[in-house]
């Protein structure tokens, strides 16, 4: 295939672009793997932090249960007070505008 000089002027710069594109396509899987590895590291750190927080809260709950068991009477009294407060809140918590006024004007 014979190429004219004008066609050669267009074809030669395109070969450099094609080389760069091919190199990018060859390295793309490596770049993707690197990105995924970084994301996996971040998620594993977050999961590790969550599990530590859950363990800490579980320890706090067991300590609190032991304290509550030691003071059983106080707990019963607190529960009764909390129930009374909940009942009071239910009575006091009325809807701010519903059922108070009826607008009959047209």
PDB file of N, CA and C in Angstrom:
ATOM      1  N   UNK A   1       0.842  -1.168   0.000  1.00  0.00           N
ATOM      2  CA  UNK A   1       0.000   0.000   0.000  1.00  0.00           C
ATOM      3  C   UNK A   1       0.892   1.238   0.000  1.00  0.00           C
ATOM      4  N   UNK A   2       0.736   2.045  -0.954  1.00  0.00           N
ATOM      5  CA  UNK A   2       1.527   3.263  -1.074  1.00  0.00           C
ATOM      6  C   UNK A   2       0.828   4.402  -0.338  1.00  0.00           C
ATOM      7  N   UNK A   3       1.621   5.151   0.398  1.00  0.00           N
ATOM      8  CA  UNK A   3       1.063   6.294   1.127  1.00  0.00           C
ATOM      9  C   UNK A   3       1.691   7.557   0.586  1.00  0.00           C
ATOM     10  N   UNK A   4       0.912   8.533   0.449  1.00  0.00           N
ATOM     11  CA  UNK A   4       1.403   9.819  -0.029  1.00  0.00           C
ATOM     12  C   UNK A   4       2.008  10.563   1.154  1.00  0.00           C
ATOM     13  N   UNK A   5       2.750  11.583   0.867  1.00  0.00           N
ATOM     14  CA  UNK A   5       3.426  12.344   1.923  1.00  0.00           C
ATOM     15  C   UNK A   5       2.428  13.031   2.852  1.00  0.00           C
ATOM     16  N   UNK A   6       1.298  13.436   2.343  1.00  0.00           N
ATOM     17  CA  UNK A   6       0.281  14.078   3.180  1.00  0.00           C
ATOM     18  C   UNK A   6      -0.296  13.056   4.161  1.00  0.00           C
ATOM     19  N   UNK A   7      -0.531  11.854   3.686  1.00  0.00           N
ATOM     20  CA  UNK A   7      -1.064  10.801   4.558  1.00  0.00           C
ATOM     21  C   UNK A   7      -0.056  10.418   5.625  1.00  0.00           C
ATOM     22  N   UNK A   8       1.234  10.452   5.288  1.00  0.00           N
ATOM     23  CA  UNK A   8       2.278  10.125   6.254  1.00  0.00           C
ATOM     24  C   UNK A   8       2.330  11.183   7.359  1.00  0.00           C
ATOM     25  N   UNK A   9       2.051  12.438   7.022  1.00  0.00           N
ATOM     26  CA  UNK A   9       2.056  13.498   8.025  1.00  0.00           C
ATOM     27  C   UNK A   9       0.954  13.268   9.055  1.00  0.00           C
ATOM     28  N   UNK A  10      -0.135  12.678   8.662  1.00  0.00           N
ATOM     29  CA  UNK A  10      -1.243  12.407   9.573  1.00  0.00           C
ATOM     30  C   UNK A  10      -1.010  11.105  10.321  1.00  0.00           C
ATOM     31  N   UNK A  11      -0.448  10.109   9.645  1.00  0.00           N
ATOM     32  CA  UNK A  11      -0.320   8.777  10.229  1.00  0.00           C
ATOM     33  C   UNK A  11       0.746   8.712  11.312  1.00  0.00           C
ATOM     34  N   UNK A  12       1.860   9.391  11.149  1.00  0.00           N
ATOM     35  CA  UNK A  12       2.953   9.290  12.118  1.00  0.00           C
ATOM     36  C   UNK A  12       2.584   9.829  13.503  1.00  0.00           C
ATOM     37  N   UNK A  13       1.966  10.985  13.654  1.00  0.00           N
ATOM     38  CA  UNK A  13       1.578  11.434  14.995  1.00  0.00           C
ATOM     39  C   UNK A  13       0.535  10.517  15.642  1.00  0.00           C
ATOM     40  N   UNK A  14      -0.286   9.869  14.835  1.00  0.00           N
ATOM     41  CA  UNK A  14      -1.308   8.968  15.372  1.00  0.00           C
ATOM     42  C   UNK A  14      -0.690   7.723  15.995  1.00  0.00           C
ATOM     43  N   UNK A  15       0.458   7.305  15.520  1.00  0.00           N
ATOM     44  CA  UNK A  15       1.090   6.107  16.085  1.00  0.00           C
ATOM     45  C   UNK A  15       1.508   6.355  17.529  1.00  0.00           C
ATOM     46  N   UNK A  16       1.961   7.553  17.833  1.00  0.00           N
ATOM     47  CA  UNK A  16       2.330   7.882  19.216  1.00  0.00           C
ATOM     48  C   UNK A  16       1.105   7.838  20.125  1.00  0.00           C
ATOM     49  N   UNK A  17      -0.008   8.365  19.638  1.00  0.00           N
ATOM     50  CA  UNK A  17      -1.246   8.345  20.422  1.00  0.00           C
ATOM     51  C   UNK A  17      -1.715   6.913  20.634  1.00  0.00           C
ATOM     52  N   UNK A  18      -1.628   6.104  19.599  1.00  0.00           N
ATOM     53  CA  UNK A  18      -2.047   4.707  19.713  1.00  0.00           C
ATOM     54  C   UNK A  18      -1.168   3.966  20.718  1.00  0.00           C
ATOM     55  N   UNK A  19       0.116   4.281  20.728  1.00  0.00           N
ATOM     56  CA  UNK A  19       1.025   3.649  21.697  1.00  0.00           C
ATOM     57  C   UNK A  19       0.654   4.001  23.126  1.00  0.00           C
ATOM     58  N   UNK A  20       0.324   5.266  23.373  1.00  0.00           N
ATOM     59  CA  UNK A  20      -0.084   5.691  24.718  1.00  0.00           C
ATOM     60  C   UNK A  20      -1.394   5.027  25.138  1.00  0.00           C
ATOM     61  N   UNK A  21      -2.318   4.955  24.214  1.00  0.00           N
ATOM     62  CA  UNK A  21      -3.614   4.330  24.521  1.00  0.00           C
ATOM     63  C   UNK A  21      -3.418   2.848  24.848  1.00  0.00           C
ATOM     64  N   UNK A  22      -2.585   2.177  24.070  1.00  0.00           N
ATOM     65  CA  UNK A  22      -2.334   0.757  24.316  1.00  0.00           C
ATOM     66  C   UNK A  22      -1.654   0.553  25.662  1.00  0.00           C
ATOM     67  N   UNK A  23      -0.711   1.398  25.996  1.00  0.00           N
ATOM     68  CA  UNK A  23      -0.019   1.288  27.280  1.00  0.00           C
ATOM     69  C   UNK A  23      -1.001   1.511  28.435  1.00  0.00           C
ATOM     70  N   UNK A  24      -1.890   2.486  28.297  1.00  0.00           N
ATOM     71  CA  UNK A  24      -2.898   2.732  29.331  1.00  0.00           C
ATOM     72  C   UNK A  24      -3.816   1.537  29.504  1.00  0.00           C
ATOM     73  N   UNK A  25      -4.196   0.917  28.394  1.00  0.00           N
ATOM     74  CA  UNK A  25      -5.072  -0.248  28.479  1.00  0.00           C
ATOM     75  C   UNK A  25      -4.371  -1.432  29.126  1.00  0.00           C
ATOM     76  N   UNK A  26      -3.085  -1.569  28.910  1.00  0.00           N
ATOM     77  CA  UNK A  26      -2.343  -2.670  29.523  1.00  0.00           C
ATOM     78  C   UNK A  26      -2.161  -2.456  31.021  1.00  0.00           C
ATOM     79  N   UNK A  27      -2.012  -1.213  31.441  1.00  0.00           N
ATOM     80  CA  UNK A  27      -1.788  -0.925  32.850  1.00  0.00           C
ATOM     81  C   UNK A  27      -3.071  -0.722  33.633  1.00  0.00           C
ATOM     82  N   UNK A  28      -4.188  -0.635  32.953  1.00  0.00           N
ATOM     83  CA  UNK A  28      -5.465  -0.380  33.620  1.00  0.00           C
ATOM     84  C   UNK A  28      -5.809  -1.447  34.669  1.00  0.00           C
ATOM     85  N   UNK A  29      -5.643  -2.744  34.387  1.00  0.00           N
ATOM     86  CA  UNK A  29      -5.950  -3.735  35.430  1.00  0.00           C
ATOM     87  C   UNK A  29      -5.094  -3.564  36.687  1.00  0.00           C
ATOM     88  N   UNK A  30      -3.842  -3.197  36.508  1.00  0.00           N
ATOM     89  CA  UNK A  30      -2.976  -2.972  37.668  1.00  0.00           C
ATOM     90  C   UNK A  30      -3.460  -1.785  38.491  1.00  0.00           C
ATOM     91  N   UNK A  31      -3.850  -0.740  37.809  1.00  0.00           N
ATOM     92  CA  UNK A  31      -4.353   0.451  38.504  1.00  0.00           C
ATOM     93  C   UNK A  31      -5.644   0.119  39.242  1.00  0.00           C
ATOM     94  N   UNK A  32      -6.537  -0.629  38.584  1.00  0.00           N
ATOM     95  CA  UNK A  32      -7.792  -1.028  39.223  1.00  0.00           C
ATOM     96  C   UNK A  32      -7.538  -1.872  40.461  1.00  0.00           C
ATOM     97  N   UNK A  33      -6.594  -2.799  40.361  1.00  0.00           N
ATOM     98  CA  UNK A  33      -6.271  -3.645  41.513  1.00  0.00           C
ATOM     99  C   UNK A  33      -5.715  -2.821  42.659  1.00  0.00           C
ATOM    100  N   UNK A  34      -4.911  -1.829  42.355  1.00  0.00           N
ATOM    101  CA  UNK A  34      -4.353  -0.965  43.387  1.00  0.00           C
ATOM    102  C   UNK A  34      -5.458  -0.170  44.080  1.00  0.00           C
ATOM    103  N   UNK A  35      -6.386   0.345  43.296  1.00  0.00           N
ATOM    104  CA  UNK A  35      -7.502   1.115  43.860  1.00  0.00           C
ATOM    105  C   UNK A  35      -8.362   0.219  44.747  1.00  0.00           C
ATOM    106  N   UNK A  36      -8.667  -0.982  44.256  1.00  0.00           N
ATOM    107  CA  UNK A  36      -9.481  -1.914  45.043  1.00  0.00           C
ATOM    108  C   UNK A  36      -8.778  -2.332  46.330  1.00  0.00           C
ATOM    109  N   UNK A  37      -7.470  -2.520  46.262  1.00  0.00           N
ATOM    110  CA  UNK A  37      -6.718  -2.880  47.466  1.00  0.00           C
ATOM    111  C   UNK A  37      -6.807  -1.759  48.501  1.00  0.00           C
ATOM    112  N   UNK A  38      -6.717  -0.515  48.046  1.00  0.00           N
ATOM    113  CA  UNK A  38      -6.849   0.624  48.964  1.00  0.00           C
ATOM    114  C   UNK A  38      -8.224   0.687  49.584  1.00  0.00           C
ATOM    115  N   UNK A  39      -9.254   0.431  48.777  1.00  0.00           N
ATOM    116  CA  UNK A  39     -10.614   0.445  49.307  1.00  0.00           C
ATOM    117  C   UNK A  39     -10.823  -0.683  50.301  1.00  0.00           C
ATOM    118  N   UNK A  40     -10.270  -1.856  50.023  1.00  0.00           N
ATOM    119  CA  UNK A  40     -10.385  -2.983  50.946  1.00  0.00           C
ATOM    120  C   UNK A  40      -9.703  -2.677  52.271  1.00  0.00           C
ATOM    121  N   UNK A  41      -8.572  -2.006  52.208  1.00  0.00           N
ATOM    122  CA  UNK A  41      -7.868  -1.630  53.438  1.00  0.00           C
ATOM    123  C   UNK A  41      -8.732  -0.684  54.273  1.00  0.00           C
ATOM    124  N   UNK A  42      -9.355   0.294  53.615  1.00  0.00           N
ATOM    125  CA  UNK A  42     -10.201   1.246  54.333  1.00  0.00           C
ATOM    126  C   UNK A  42     -11.397   0.549  54.971  1.00  0.00           C
ATOM    127  N   UNK A  43     -12.053  -0.324  54.201  1.00  0.00           N
ATOM    128  CA  UNK A  43     -13.229  -1.010  54.749  1.00  0.00           C
ATOM    129  C   UNK A  43     -12.844  -1.945  55.889  1.00  0.00           C
ATOM    130  N   UNK A  44     -11.692  -2.594  55.778  1.00  0.00           N
ATOM    131  CA  UNK A  44     -11.267  -3.483  56.867  1.00  0.00           C
ATOM    132  C   UNK A  44     -10.960  -2.674  58.131  1.00  0.00           C
ATOM    133  N   UNK A  45     -10.372  -1.501  57.966  1.00  0.00           N
ATOM    134  CA  UNK A  45     -10.118  -0.634  59.128  1.00  0.00           C
ATOM    135  C   UNK A  45     -11.434  -0.203  59.775  1.00  0.00           C
ATOM    136  N   UNK A  46     -12.415   0.165  58.946  1.00  0.00           N
ATOM    137  CA  UNK A  46     -13.718   0.560  59.490  1.00  0.00           C
ATOM    138  C   UNK A  46     -14.380  -0.602  60.212  1.00  0.00           C
ATOM    139  N   UNK A  47     -14.315  -1.794  59.622  1.00  0.00           N
ATOM    140  CA  UNK A  47     -14.914  -2.980  60.247  1.00  0.00           C
ATOM    141  C   UNK A  47     -14.215  -3.282  61.573  1.00  0.00           C
ATOM    142  N   UNK A  48     -12.907  -3.145  61.587  1.00  0.00           N
ATOM    143  CA  UNK A  48     -12.155  -3.400  62.811  1.00  0.00           C
ATOM    144  C   UNK A  48     -12.557  -2.416  63.898  1.00  0.00           C
ATOM    145  N   UNK A  49     -12.731  -1.144  63.494  1.00  0.00           N
ATOM    146  CA  UNK A  49     -13.159  -0.137  64.469  1.00  0.00           C
ATOM    147  C   UNK A  49     -14.557  -0.414  64.993  1.00  0.00           C
ATOM    148  N   UNK A  50     -15.451  -0.876  64.113  1.00  0.00           N
ATOM    149  CA  UNK A  50     -16.811  -1.186  64.542  1.00  0.00           C
ATOM    150  C   UNK A  50     -16.824  -2.350  65.522  1.00  0.00           C
ATOM    151  N   UNK A  51     -16.030  -3.377  65.232  1.00  0.00           N
ATOM    152  CA  UNK A  51     -16.032  -4.536  66.120  1.00  0.00           C
ATOM    153  C   UNK A  51     -15.458  -4.167  67.482  1.00  0.00           C
ATOM    154  N   UNK A  52     -14.440  -3.308  67.505  1.00  0.00           N
ATOM    155  CA  UNK A  52     -13.882  -2.868  68.783  1.00  0.00           C
ATOM    156  C   UNK A  52     -14.906  -2.058  69.566  1.00  0.00           C
ATOM    157  N   UNK A  53     -15.659  -1.224  68.868  1.00  0.00           N
ATOM    158  CA  UNK A  53     -16.678  -0.425  69.545  1.00  0.00           C
ATOM    159  C   UNK A  53     -17.776  -1.324  70.102  1.00  0.00           C
ATOM    160  N   UNK A  54     -18.143  -2.356  69.360  1.00  0.00           N
ATOM    161  CA  UNK A  54     -19.172  -3.273  69.827  1.00  0.00           C
ATOM    162  C   UNK A  54     -18.681  -4.056  71.052  1.00  0.00           C
ATOM    163  N   UNK A  55     -17.428  -4.482  71.027  1.00  0.00           N
ATOM    164  CA  UNK A  55     -16.878  -5.187  72.176  1.00  0.00           C
ATOM    165  C   UNK A  55     -16.863  -4.277  73.397  1.00  0.00           C
ATOM    166  N   UNK A  56     -16.490  -3.030  73.179  1.00  0.00           N
ATOM    167  CA  UNK A  56     -16.447  -2.070  74.284  1.00  0.00           C
ATOM    168  C   UNK A  56     -17.845  -1.863  74.862  1.00  0.00           C
ATOM    169  N   UNK A  57     -18.836  -1.718  73.999  1.00  0.00           N
ATOM    170  CA  UNK A  57     -20.191  -1.509  74.492  1.00  0.00           C
ATOM    171  C   UNK A  57     -20.707  -2.762  75.188  1.00  0.00           C
ATOM    172  N   UNK A  58     -20.312  -3.940  74.708  1.00  0.00           N
ATOM    173  CA  UNK A  58     -20.725  -5.178  75.358  1.00  0.00           C
ATOM    174  C   UNK A  58     -20.125  -5.256  76.761  1.00  0.00           C
ATOM    175  N   UNK A  59     -18.867  -4.859  76.891  1.00  0.00           N
ATOM    176  CA  UNK A  59     -18.238  -4.845  78.224  1.00  0.00           C
ATOM    177  C   UNK A  59     -18.947  -3.856  79.142  1.00  0.00           C
ATOM    178  N   UNK A  60     -19.286  -2.690  78.603  1.00  0.00           N
ATOM    179  CA  UNK A  60     -19.984  -1.693  79.404  1.00  0.00           C
ATOM    180  C   UNK A  60     -21.340  -2.208  79.865  1.00  0.00           C
ATOM    181  N   UNK A  61     -22.038  -2.937  78.983  1.00  0.00           N
ATOM    182  CA  UNK A  61     -23.341  -3.475  79.352  1.00  0.00           C
ATOM    183  C   UNK A  61     -23.213  -4.515  80.457  1.00  0.00           C
ATOM    184  N   UNK A  62     -22.193  -5.369  80.376  1.00  0.00           N
ATOM    185  CA  UNK A  62     -22.035  -6.389  81.418  1.00  0.00           C
ATOM    186  C   UNK A  62     -21.695  -5.743  82.751  1.00  0.00           C
ATOM    187  N   UNK A  63     -20.871  -4.719  82.729  1.00  0.00           N
ATOM    188  CA  UNK A  63     -20.543  -4.017  83.971  1.00  0.00           C
ATOM    189  C   UNK A  63     -21.792  -3.364  84.540  1.00  0.00           C
ATOM    190  N   UNK A  64     -22.593  -2.764  83.679  1.00  0.00           N
ATOM    191  CA  UNK A  64     -23.805  -2.107  84.132  1.00  0.00           C
ATOM    192  C   UNK A  64     -24.792  -3.129  84.691  1.00  0.00           C
ATOM    193  N   UNK A  65     -24.883  -4.298  84.053  1.00  0.00           N
ATOM    194  CA  UNK A  65     -25.776  -5.339  84.561  1.00  0.00           C
ATOM    195  C   UNK A  65     -25.340  -5.802  85.943  1.00  0.00           C
ATOM    196  N   UNK A  66     -24.036  -5.950  86.136  1.00  0.00           N
ATOM    197  CA  UNK A  66     -23.537  -6.360  87.447  1.00  0.00           C
ATOM    198  C   UNK A  66     -23.862  -5.312  88.503  1.00  0.00           C
ATOM    199  N   UNK A  67     -23.702  -4.047  88.137  1.00  0.00           N
ATOM    200  CA  UNK A  67     -24.024  -2.979  89.080  1.00  0.00           C
ATOM    201  C   UNK A  67     -25.515  -2.964  89.397  1.00  0.00           C
ATOM    202  N   UNK A  68     -26.326  -3.179  88.370  1.00  0.00           N
ATOM    203  CA  UNK A  68     -27.772  -3.189  88.570  1.00  0.00           C
ATOM    204  C   UNK A  68     -28.197  -4.382  89.414  1.00  0.00           C
ATOM    205  N   UNK A  69     -27.552  -5.508  89.241  1.00  0.00           N
ATOM    206  CA  UNK A  69     -27.896  -6.684  90.034  1.00  0.00           C
ATOM    207  C   UNK A  69     -27.559  -6.449  91.505  1.00  0.00           C
ATOM    208  N   UNK A  70     -26.488  -5.711  91.755  1.00  0.00           N
ATOM    209  CA  UNK A  70     -26.092  -5.426  93.128  1.00  0.00           C
ATOM    210  C   UNK A  70     -27.094  -4.481  93.793  1.00  0.00           C
ATOM    211  N   UNK A  71     -27.659  -3.619  93.025  1.00  0.00           N
ATOM    212  CA  UNK A  71     -28.629  -2.679  93.589  1.00  0.00           C
ATOM    213  C   UNK A  71     -29.999  -2.933  92.958  1.00  0.00           C
ATOM    214  N   UNK A  72     -30.573  -4.073  93.213  1.00  0.00           N
ATOM    215  CA  UNK A  72     -31.843  -4.497  92.623  1.00  0.00           C
ATOM    216  C   UNK A  72     -33.009  -3.612  93.035  1.00  0.00           C
ATOM    217  N   UNK A  73     -33.040  -3.208  94.283  1.00  0.00           N
ATOM    218  CA  UNK A  73     -34.145  -2.374  94.747  1.00  0.00           C
ATOM    219  C   UNK A  73     -34.119  -1.009  94.064  1.00  0.00           C
ATOM    220  N   UNK A  74     -32.932  -0.458  93.917  1.00  0.00           N
ATOM    221  CA  UNK A  74     -32.822   0.827  93.243  1.00  0.00           C
ATOM    222  C   UNK A  74     -33.299   0.719  91.796  1.00  0.00           C
ATOM    223  N   UNK A  75     -32.988  -0.406  91.182  1.00  0.00           N
ATOM    224  CA  UNK A  75     -33.399  -0.614  89.794  1.00  0.00           C
ATOM    225  C   UNK A  75     -34.920  -0.669  89.678  1.00  0.00           C
ATOM    226  N   UNK A  76     -35.556  -1.377  90.576  1.00  0.00           N
ATOM    227  CA  UNK A  76     -37.014  -1.465  90.540  1.00  0.00           C
ATOM    228  C   UNK A  76     -37.641  -0.098  90.720  1.00  0.00           C
ATOM    229  N   UNK A  77     -37.067   0.674  91.615  1.00  0.00           N
ATOM    230  CA  UNK A  77     -37.590   2.007  91.859  1.00  0.00           C
ATOM    231  C   UNK A  77     -37.383   2.898  90.625  1.00  0.00           C
ATOM    232  N   UNK A  78     -36.214   2.809  90.000  1.00  0.00           N
ATOM    233  CA  UNK A  78     -35.955   3.589  88.796  1.00  0.00           C
ATOM    234  C   UNK A  78     -36.887   3.184  87.663  1.00  0.00           C
ATOM    235  N   UNK A  79     -37.121   1.886  87.522  1.00  0.00           N
ATOM    236  CA  UNK A  79     -38.028   1.417  86.471  1.00  0.00           C
ATOM    237  C   UNK A  79     -39.432   1.965  86.685  1.00  0.00           C
ATOM    238  N   UNK A  80     -39.882   1.952  87.925  1.00  0.00           N
ATOM    239  CA  UNK A  80     -41.213   2.472  88.218  1.00  0.00           C
ATOM    240  C   UNK A  80     -41.282   3.972  87.905  1.00  0.00           C
ATOM    241  N   UNK A  81     -40.221   4.706  88.245  1.00  0.00           N
ATOM    242  CA  UNK A  81     -40.192   6.141  87.955  1.00  0.00           C
ATOM    243  C   UNK A  81     -40.176   6.391  86.442  1.00  0.00           C
ATOM    244  N   UNK A  82     -39.395   5.596  85.714  1.00  0.00           N
ATOM    245  CA  UNK A  82     -39.340   5.758  84.260  1.00  0.00           C
ATOM    246  C   UNK A  82     -40.694   5.469  83.627  1.00  0.00           C
ATOM    247  N   UNK A  83     -41.363   4.431  84.095  1.00  0.00           N
ATOM    248  CA  UNK A  83     -42.685   4.121  83.558  1.00  0.00           C
ATOM    249  C   UNK A  83     -43.664   5.259  83.835  1.00  0.00           C
ATOM    250  N   UNK A  84     -43.583   5.822  85.019  1.00  0.00           N
ATOM    251  CA  UNK A  84     -44.456   6.937  85.367  1.00  0.00           C
ATOM    252  C   UNK A  84     -44.156   8.138  84.469  1.00  0.00           C
ATOM    253  N   UNK A  85     -42.861   8.400  84.224  1.00  0.00           N
ATOM    254  CA  UNK A  85     -42.500   9.517  83.348  1.00  0.00           C
ATOM    255  C   UNK A  85     -43.011   9.291  81.938  1.00  0.00           C
ATOM    256  N   UNK A  86     -42.925   8.045  81.446  1.00  0.00           N
ATOM    257  CA  UNK A  86     -43.424   7.739  80.107  1.00  0.00           C
ATOM    258  C   UNK A  86     -44.928   7.966  80.020  1.00  0.00           C
ATOM    259  N   UNK A  87     -45.631   7.571  81.055  1.00  0.00           N
ATOM    260  CA  UNK A  87     -47.076   7.801  81.071  1.00  0.00           C
ATOM    261  C   UNK A  87     -47.386   9.296  81.053  1.00  0.00           C
ATOM    262  N   UNK A  88     -46.632  10.064  81.840  1.00  0.00           N
ATOM    263  CA  UNK A  88     -46.831  11.509  81.882  1.00  0.00           C
ATOM    264  C   UNK A  88     -46.536  12.139  80.513  1.00  0.00           C
ATOM    265  N   UNK A  89     -45.491  11.660  79.845  1.00  0.00           N
ATOM    266  CA  UNK A  89     -45.147  12.181  78.529  1.00  0.00           C
ATOM    267  C   UNK A  89     -46.253  11.871  77.523  1.00  0.00           C
ATOM    268  N   UNK A  90     -46.811  10.677  77.595  1.00  0.00           N
ATOM    269  CA  UNK A  90     -47.879  10.307  76.679  1.00  0.00           C
ATOM    270  C   UNK A  90     -49.097  11.203  76.881  1.00  0.00           C
ATOM    271  N   UNK A  91     -49.392  11.526  78.105  1.00  0.00           N
ATOM    272  CA  UNK A  91     -50.531  12.391  78.374  1.00  0.00           C
ATOM    273  C   UNK A  91     -50.250  13.820  77.922  1.00  0.00           C
ATOM    274  N   UNK A  92     -49.051  14.299  78.146  1.00  0.00           N
ATOM    275  CA  UNK A  92     -48.713  15.684  77.827  1.00  0.00           C
ATOM    276  C   UNK A  92     -48.444  15.879  76.336  1.00  0.00           C
ATOM    277  N   UNK A  93     -48.060  14.841  75.637  1.00  0.00           N
ATOM    278  CA  UNK A  93     -47.693  14.981  74.220  1.00  0.00           C
ATOM    279  C   UNK A  93     -48.934  14.940  73.342  1.00  0.00           C
ATOM    280  N   UNK A  94     -49.543  16.109  73.140  1.00  0.00           N
ATOM    281  CA  UNK A  94     -50.676  16.224  72.242  1.00  0.00           C
ATOM    282  C   UNK A  94     -50.188  16.860  70.954  1.00  0.00           C
ATOM    283  N   UNK A  95     -50.923  16.626  69.898  1.00  0.00           N
ATOM    284  CA  UNK A  95     -50.563  17.203  68.614  1.00  0.00           C
ATOM    285  C   UNK A  95     -50.712  18.716  68.696  1.00  0.00           C
ATOM    286  N   UNK A  96     -49.766  19.475  68.143  1.00  0.00           N
ATOM    287  CA  UNK A  96     -49.764  20.926  68.335  1.00  0.00           C
ATOM    288  C   UNK A  96     -50.963  21.660  67.730  1.00  0.00           C
ATOM    289  N   UNK A  97     -51.545  21.154  66.660  1.00  0.00           N
ATOM    290  CA  UNK A  97     -52.662  21.879  66.071  1.00  0.00           C
ATOM    291  C   UNK A  97     -53.829  20.991  65.696  1.00  0.00           C
ATOM    292  N   UNK A  98     -53.663  19.742  65.702  1.00  0.00           N
ATOM    293  CA  UNK A  98     -54.696  18.827  65.227  1.00  0.00           C
ATOM    294  C   UNK A  98     -55.831  18.732  66.253  1.00  0.00           C
ATOM    295  N   UNK A  99     -57.042  18.963  65.810  1.00  0.00           N
ATOM    296  CA  UNK A  99     -58.209  18.808  66.666  1.00  0.00           C
ATOM    297  C   UNK A  99     -58.526  19.985  67.562  1.00  0.00           C
ATOM    298  N   UNK A 100     -57.902  21.116  67.401  1.00  0.00           N
ATOM    299  CA  UNK A 100     -58.172  22.261  68.264  1.00  0.00           C
ATOM    300  C   UNK A 100     -59.096  23.271  67.617  1.00  0.00           C
ATOM    301  N   UNK A 101     -58.897  23.553  66.355  1.00  0.00           N
ATOM    302  CA  UNK A 101     -59.698  24.567  65.681  1.00  0.00           C
ATOM    303  C   UNK A 101     -60.244  24.008  64.383  1.00  0.00           C
ATOM    304  N   UNK A 102     -61.457  24.440  64.059  1.00  0.00           N
ATOM    305  CA  UNK A 102     -62.060  24.075  62.785  1.00  0.00           C
ATOM    306  C   UNK A 102     -62.297  25.359  62.012  1.00  0.00           C
ATOM    307  N   UNK A 103     -61.762  25.434  60.813  1.00  0.00           N
ATOM    308  CA  UNK A 103     -61.889  26.614  59.980  1.00  0.00           C
ATOM    309  C   UNK A 103     -63.077  26.435  59.043  1.00  0.00           C
ATOM    310  N   UNK A 104     -64.163  27.191  59.307  1.00  0.00           N
ATOM    311  CA  UNK A 104     -65.374  27.081  58.513  1.00  0.00           C
ATOM    312  C   UNK A 104     -65.507  28.218  57.500  1.00  0.00           C
ATOM    313  N   UNK A 105     -64.589  29.126  57.473  1.00  0.00           N
ATOM    314  CA  UNK A 105     -64.681  30.270  56.550  1.00  0.00           C
ATOM    315  C   UNK A 105     -64.344  29.825  55.132  1.00  0.00           C
ATOM    316  N   UNK A 106     -65.091  30.409  54.179  1.00  0.00           N
ATOM    317  CA  UNK A 106     -64.838  30.095  52.766  1.00  0.00           C
ATOM    318  C   UNK A 106     -64.487  31.345  52.013  1.00  0.00           C
TER     319      UNK A 106
END
